C-alpha atoms as a PDB file:
ATOM      1  CA  UNK A   1       0.000   0.000   0.000  1.00  0.00           C
ATOM      2  CA  UNK A   2       1.105   3.562  -0.603  1.00  0.00           C
ATOM      3  CA  UNK A   3       1.008   4.463   3.099  1.00  0.00           C
ATOM      4  CA  UNK A   4      -0.338   3.149   6.391  1.00  0.00           C
ATOM      5  CA  UNK A   5      -3.814   4.646   5.934  1.00  0.00           C
ATOM      6  CA  UNK A   6      -3.510   7.287   8.616  1.00  0.00           C
ATOM      7  CA  UNK A   7      -2.622  10.146   6.281  1.00  0.00           C
ATOM      8  CA  UNK A   8      -5.151   9.342   3.551  1.00  0.00           C
ATOM      9  CA  UNK A   9      -8.147  11.612   3.071  1.00  0.00           C
ATOM     10  CA  UNK A  10     -10.866   9.111   4.038  1.00  0.00           C
ATOM     11  CA  UNK A  11     -14.498   9.861   3.131  1.00  0.00           C
ATOM     12  CA  UNK A  12     -17.712   8.456   4.598  1.00  0.00           C
ATOM     13  CA  UNK A  13     -21.131   8.464   3.010  1.00  0.00           C
ATOM     14  CA  UNK A  14     -23.364  11.399   3.905  1.00  0.00           C
ATOM     15  CA  UNK A  15     -26.028   8.749   4.586  1.00  0.00           C
ATOM     16  CA  UNK A  16     -23.997   7.348   7.478  1.00  0.00           C
ATOM     17  CA  UNK A  17     -26.010   8.281  10.538  1.00  0.00           C
ATOM     18  CA  UNK A  18     -24.095   6.342  13.180  1.00  0.00           C
ATOM     19  CA  UNK A  19     -20.620   7.195  11.968  1.00  0.00           C
ATOM     20  CA  UNK A  20     -19.751   3.502  11.676  1.00  0.00           C
ATOM     21  CA  UNK A  21     -19.565   2.687   8.015  1.00  0.00           C
ATOM     22  CA  UNK A  22     -17.342   2.055   5.053  1.00  0.00           C
ATOM     23  CA  UNK A  23     -14.786   4.738   4.226  1.00  0.00           C
ATOM     24  CA  UNK A  24     -13.011   5.266   0.904  1.00  0.00           C
ATOM     25  CA  UNK A  25      -9.853   7.112  -0.105  1.00  0.00           C
ATOM     26  CA  UNK A  26      -8.102   7.697  -3.415  1.00  0.00           C
ATOM     27  CA  UNK A  27      -4.332   7.763  -3.716  1.00  0.00           C
ATOM     28  CA  UNK A  28      -2.835   7.951  -7.161  1.00  0.00           C
ATOM     29  CA  UNK A  29      -4.754   5.553  -9.378  1.00  0.00           C
ATOM     30  CA  UNK A  30      -5.892   3.305  -6.525  1.00  0.00           C
ATOM     31  CA  UNK A  31      -9.062   3.352  -4.404  1.00  0.00           C
ATOM     32  CA  UNK A  32      -8.867   2.107  -0.811  1.00  0.00           C
ATOM     33  CA  UNK A  33     -11.788   0.911   1.326  1.00  0.00           C
ATOM     34  CA  UNK A  34     -11.902   0.279   5.081  1.00  0.00           C
ATOM     35  CA  UNK A  35     -14.359  -0.274   7.928  1.00  0.00           C
ATOM     36  CA  UNK A  36     -14.494   2.875  10.047  1.00  0.00           C
ATOM     37  CA  UNK A  37     -15.200   0.853  13.216  1.00  0.00           C
ATOM     38  CA  UNK A  38     -11.741  -0.745  13.157  1.00  0.00           C
ATOM     39  CA  UNK A  39      -9.745   2.049  11.513  1.00  0.00           C
ATOM     40  CA  UNK A  40      -6.886   2.793  11.402  1.00  0.00           C
ATOM     41  CA  UNK A  41      -5.564  -0.604  12.523  1.00  0.00           C
ATOM     42  CA  UNK A  42      -7.956  -2.769  10.478  1.00  0.00           C
ATOM     43  CA  UNK A  43      -7.534  -4.190   7.017  1.00  0.00           C
ATOM     44  CA  UNK A  44      -7.773  -2.036   3.919  1.00  0.00           C
ATOM     45  CA  UNK A  45      -8.973  -3.270   0.538  1.00  0.00           C
ATOM     46  CA  UNK A  46      -7.333  -1.822  -2.589  1.00  0.00           C
ATOM     47  CA  UNK A  47      -8.929  -1.500  -6.027  1.00  0.00           C
ATOM     48  CA  UNK A  48      -7.773  -0.072  -9.327  1.00  0.00           C
ATOM     49  CA  UNK A  49      -9.826   2.778 -10.779  1.00  0.00           C
ATOM     50  CA  UNK A  50     -11.281   0.376 -13.364  1.00  0.00           C
ATOM     51  CA  UNK A  51     -12.347  -2.105 -10.675  1.00  0.00           C
ATOM     52  CA  UNK A  52     -13.923   0.667  -8.591  1.00  0.00           C
ATOM     53  CA  UNK A  53     -15.792   2.073 -11.610  1.00  0.00           C
ATOM     54  CA  UNK A  54     -17.082  -1.415 -12.457  1.00  0.00           C
ATOM     55  CA  UNK A  55     -18.291  -1.868  -8.871  1.00  0.00           C
ATOM     56  CA  UNK A  56     -20.069   1.512  -8.860  1.00  0.00           C
ATOM     57  CA  UNK A  57     -21.703   0.715 -12.210  1.00  0.00           C
ATOM     58  CA  UNK A  58     -23.000  -2.529 -10.724  1.00  0.00           C
ATOM     59  CA  UNK A  59     -24.353  -0.700  -7.672  1.00  0.00           C
ATOM     60  CA  UNK A  60     -26.134   1.853  -9.874  1.00  0.00           C
ATOM     61  CA  UNK A  61     -27.600  -0.959 -11.993  1.00  0.00           C
ATOM     62  CA  UNK A  62     -28.997  -2.699  -8.897  1.00  0.00           C
ATOM     63  CA  UNK A  63     -26.706  -5.726  -9.093  1.00  0.00           C
ATOM     64  CA  UNK A  64     -26.018  -5.580  -5.354  1.00  0.00           C
ATOM     65  CA  UNK A  65     -29.526  -4.888  -4.079  1.00  0.00           C
ATOM     66  CA  UNK A  66     -30.844  -7.176  -1.350  1.00  0.00           C
ATOM     67  CA  UNK A  67     -33.165  -9.004  -3.749  1.00  0.00           C
ATOM     68  CA  UNK A  68     -30.322  -9.600  -6.221  1.00  0.00           C
ATOM     69  CA  UNK A  69     -28.070 -10.942  -3.492  1.00  0.00           C
ATOM     70  CA  UNK A  70     -30.784 -13.256  -2.179  1.00  0.00           C
ATOM     71  CA  UNK A  71     -31.551 -14.644  -5.626  1.00  0.00           C
ATOM     72  CA  UNK A  72     -27.826 -15.267  -6.231  1.00  0.00           C
ATOM     73  CA  UNK A  73     -27.625 -17.155  -2.929  1.00  0.00           C
ATOM     74  CA  UNK A  74     -30.711 -19.205  -3.866  1.00  0.00           C
ATOM     75  CA  UNK A  75     -29.108 -20.088  -7.230  1.00  0.00           C
ATOM     76  CA  UNK A  76     -25.917 -21.250  -5.499  1.00  0.00           C
ATOM     77  CA  UNK A  77     -27.854 -23.314  -2.958  1.00  0.00           C
ATOM     78  CA  UNK A  78     -29.908 -25.033  -5.674  1.00  0.00           C
ATOM     79  CA  UNK A  79     -26.714 -26.193  -7.421  1.00  0.00           C
ATOM     80  CA  UNK A  80     -25.439 -27.953  -4.307  1.00  0.00           C
END
């Protein structure tokens, strides 16, 4: 990782009421994601800009809605 995560400009969603949520930061051409409850000592996920854009496109298209996730789980369970 570029640094230890303490000096990054982390951002939380404006929709985060409790303050405990996912935070994101951009450094160079990488996007970093962490859980604010265990920051700064917790794990940090790193994504390229292309991976992050693909994820956001999927979110906007509803690919990660609760119903979509449940139907994916049901499909996996029916294969077993």
